[in-house]
Amino acid sequence: MSARHMPTPAKLPLTAAVHVPFSFLRASLKGDQDAQFVAIMMDIARGIGLCLEMASNSDLVRTMNADADAGDEELPLLDPASTDFLMRFATSAAKLLAEHAEGRIKWLNEYRAKEAK
């Protein structure tokens, strides 16, 4: 087929993207605030766990390198400054999660407890 007979590709819409939002919740729970909170809490907790795992692994490798012979050292995943940054980030995320959970508990005790009576 010659170049002048090739179909012109359609332009992508402005909203097109490779990333598709993901939710652990079924469509029927999209409007449920409690379900949304639990899903966000799980996502944040997993992120905190990943940060702590990366920081811990980097510290462990540096500790092992102190006892290793020259040439037997391994490169840590993170440098010390990045390790510290992730630790502070994880701490802040955990505090934020606890604050939001506390607020949600207060709301549940005030409004849901009244509904249950």
Protein backbone atom coordinates (compact mmCIF):
# COMPACT_ATOMS: atom_id res chain seq x y z
CA MET A 1 0.00 0.00 0.00
CA SER A 2 1.41 3.37 -0.91
CA ALA A 3 1.84 6.14 1.63
CA ARG A 4 -0.90 8.25 0.09
CA HIS A 5 -3.45 5.44 0.54
CA MET A 6 -2.63 4.82 4.23
CA PRO A 7 -5.51 5.67 6.56
CA THR A 8 -4.88 8.63 8.82
CA PRO A 9 -4.76 7.51 12.46
CA ALA A 10 -7.46 9.01 14.66
CA LYS A 11 -6.34 11.51 17.27
CA LEU A 12 -6.55 10.29 20.82
CA PRO A 13 -9.10 12.05 23.00
CA LEU A 14 -7.63 14.39 25.63
CA THR A 15 -8.92 12.08 28.38
CA ALA A 16 -7.12 8.99 27.03
CA ALA A 17 -4.46 7.45 29.30
CA VAL A 18 -2.68 4.15 29.85
CA HIS A 19 -3.40 4.28 33.59
CA VAL A 20 -6.86 3.09 34.58
CA PRO A 21 -7.93 3.91 38.15
CA PHE A 22 -8.19 0.79 40.29
CA SER A 23 -10.34 0.09 43.30
CA PHE A 24 -10.44 -2.91 45.60
CA LEU A 25 -14.12 -2.19 46.14
CA ARG A 26 -16.98 -3.49 44.07
CA ALA A 27 -18.96 -0.91 42.13
CA SER A 28 -21.85 -1.19 44.59
CA LEU A 29 -19.59 0.14 47.39
CA LYS A 30 -18.28 3.20 45.53
CA GLY A 31 -20.62 5.52 47.43
CA ASP A 32 -20.12 3.89 50.85
CA GLN A 33 -17.97 6.22 52.97
CA ASP A 34 -16.98 3.47 55.39
CA ALA A 35 -15.89 1.18 52.57
CA GLN A 36 -13.96 4.04 50.95
CA PHE A 37 -12.20 4.77 54.24
CA VAL A 38 -11.21 1.13 54.74
CA ALA A 39 -9.86 0.92 51.17
CA ILE A 40 -7.80 4.10 51.63
CA MET A 41 -6.57 2.88 55.01
CA MET A 42 -5.40 -0.40 53.46
CA ASP A 43 -3.64 1.41 50.62
CA ILE A 44 -1.83 3.80 52.98
CA ALA A 45 -0.88 0.96 55.34
CA ARG A 46 0.63 -0.99 52.45
CA GLY A 47 2.58 2.11 51.40
CA ILE A 48 3.88 2.57 54.93
CA GLY A 49 4.93 -1.08 55.00
CA LEU A 50 6.79 -0.71 51.71
CA CYS A 51 8.62 2.42 52.94
CA LEU A 52 9.66 0.67 56.15
CA GLU A 53 10.78 -2.44 54.27
CA MET A 54 12.94 -0.39 51.88
CA ALA A 55 14.48 1.63 54.71
CA SER A 56 15.11 -1.45 56.85
CA ASN A 57 16.71 -3.33 53.96
CA SER A 58 19.00 -0.39 53.21
CA ASP A 59 20.08 -0.12 56.87
CA LEU A 60 20.69 -3.87 57.03
CA VAL A 61 22.86 -3.83 53.90
CA ARG A 62 24.92 -0.93 55.29
CA THR A 63 25.38 -2.83 58.57
CA MET A 64 26.43 -5.98 56.74
CA ASN A 65 28.81 -3.96 54.56
CA ALA A 66 30.59 -2.72 57.69
CA ASP A 67 31.60 -6.33 58.42
CA ALA A 68 32.19 -7.38 54.79
CA ASP A 69 35.57 -7.72 53.14
CA ALA A 70 36.54 -5.20 50.48
CA GLY A 71 34.80 -6.09 47.23
CA ASP A 72 32.13 -8.17 48.99
CA GLU A 73 29.92 -5.21 49.83
CA GLU A 74 26.50 -4.79 48.31
CA LEU A 75 24.99 -1.52 47.18
CA PRO A 76 22.06 -0.55 49.45
CA LEU A 77 18.74 0.23 47.82
CA LEU A 78 18.72 3.74 49.34
CA ASP A 79 21.38 6.16 50.48
CA PRO A 80 21.23 7.27 54.15
CA ALA A 81 19.42 10.55 53.39
CA SER A 82 16.74 8.80 51.31
CA THR A 83 16.36 6.15 54.01
CA ASP A 84 15.78 8.87 56.59
CA PHE A 85 13.32 10.62 54.28
CA LEU A 86 11.27 7.43 53.83
CA MET A 87 11.25 6.81 57.59
CA ARG A 88 9.93 10.32 58.22
CA PHE A 89 7.40 9.91 55.42
CA ALA A 90 6.16 6.59 56.86
CA THR A 91 5.90 8.14 60.33
CA SER A 92 3.89 11.08 58.98
CA ALA A 93 1.62 8.78 56.97
CA ALA A 94 0.95 6.61 60.02
CA LYS A 95 0.09 9.68 62.12
CA LEU A 96 -2.22 10.97 59.40
CA LEU A 97 -3.91 7.58 59.15
CA ALA A 98 -4.43 7.46 62.91
CA GLU A 99 -5.88 11.00 62.95
CA HIS A 100 -8.35 10.18 60.19
CA ALA A 101 -9.31 6.92 61.89
CA GLU A 102 -9.88 8.79 65.15
CA GLY A 103 -12.12 11.29 63.38
CA ARG A 104 -14.04 8.49 61.70
CA ILE A 105 -14.52 6.69 65.03
CA LYS A 106 -15.87 9.88 66.61
CA TRP A 107 -18.30 10.30 63.72
CA LEU A 108 -19.41 6.65 63.96
CA ASN A 109 -19.92 6.93 67.72
CA GLU A 110 -21.93 10.11 67.35
CA TYR A 111 -24.11 9.28 64.34
CA ARG A 112 -24.14 5.53 63.80
CA ALA A 113 -24.61 4.79 67.49
CA LYS A 114 -27.76 6.98 67.44
CA GLU A 115 -29.10 5.06 64.42
CA ALA A 116 -28.58 1.73 66.18
CA LYS A 117 -30.78 2.69 69.14
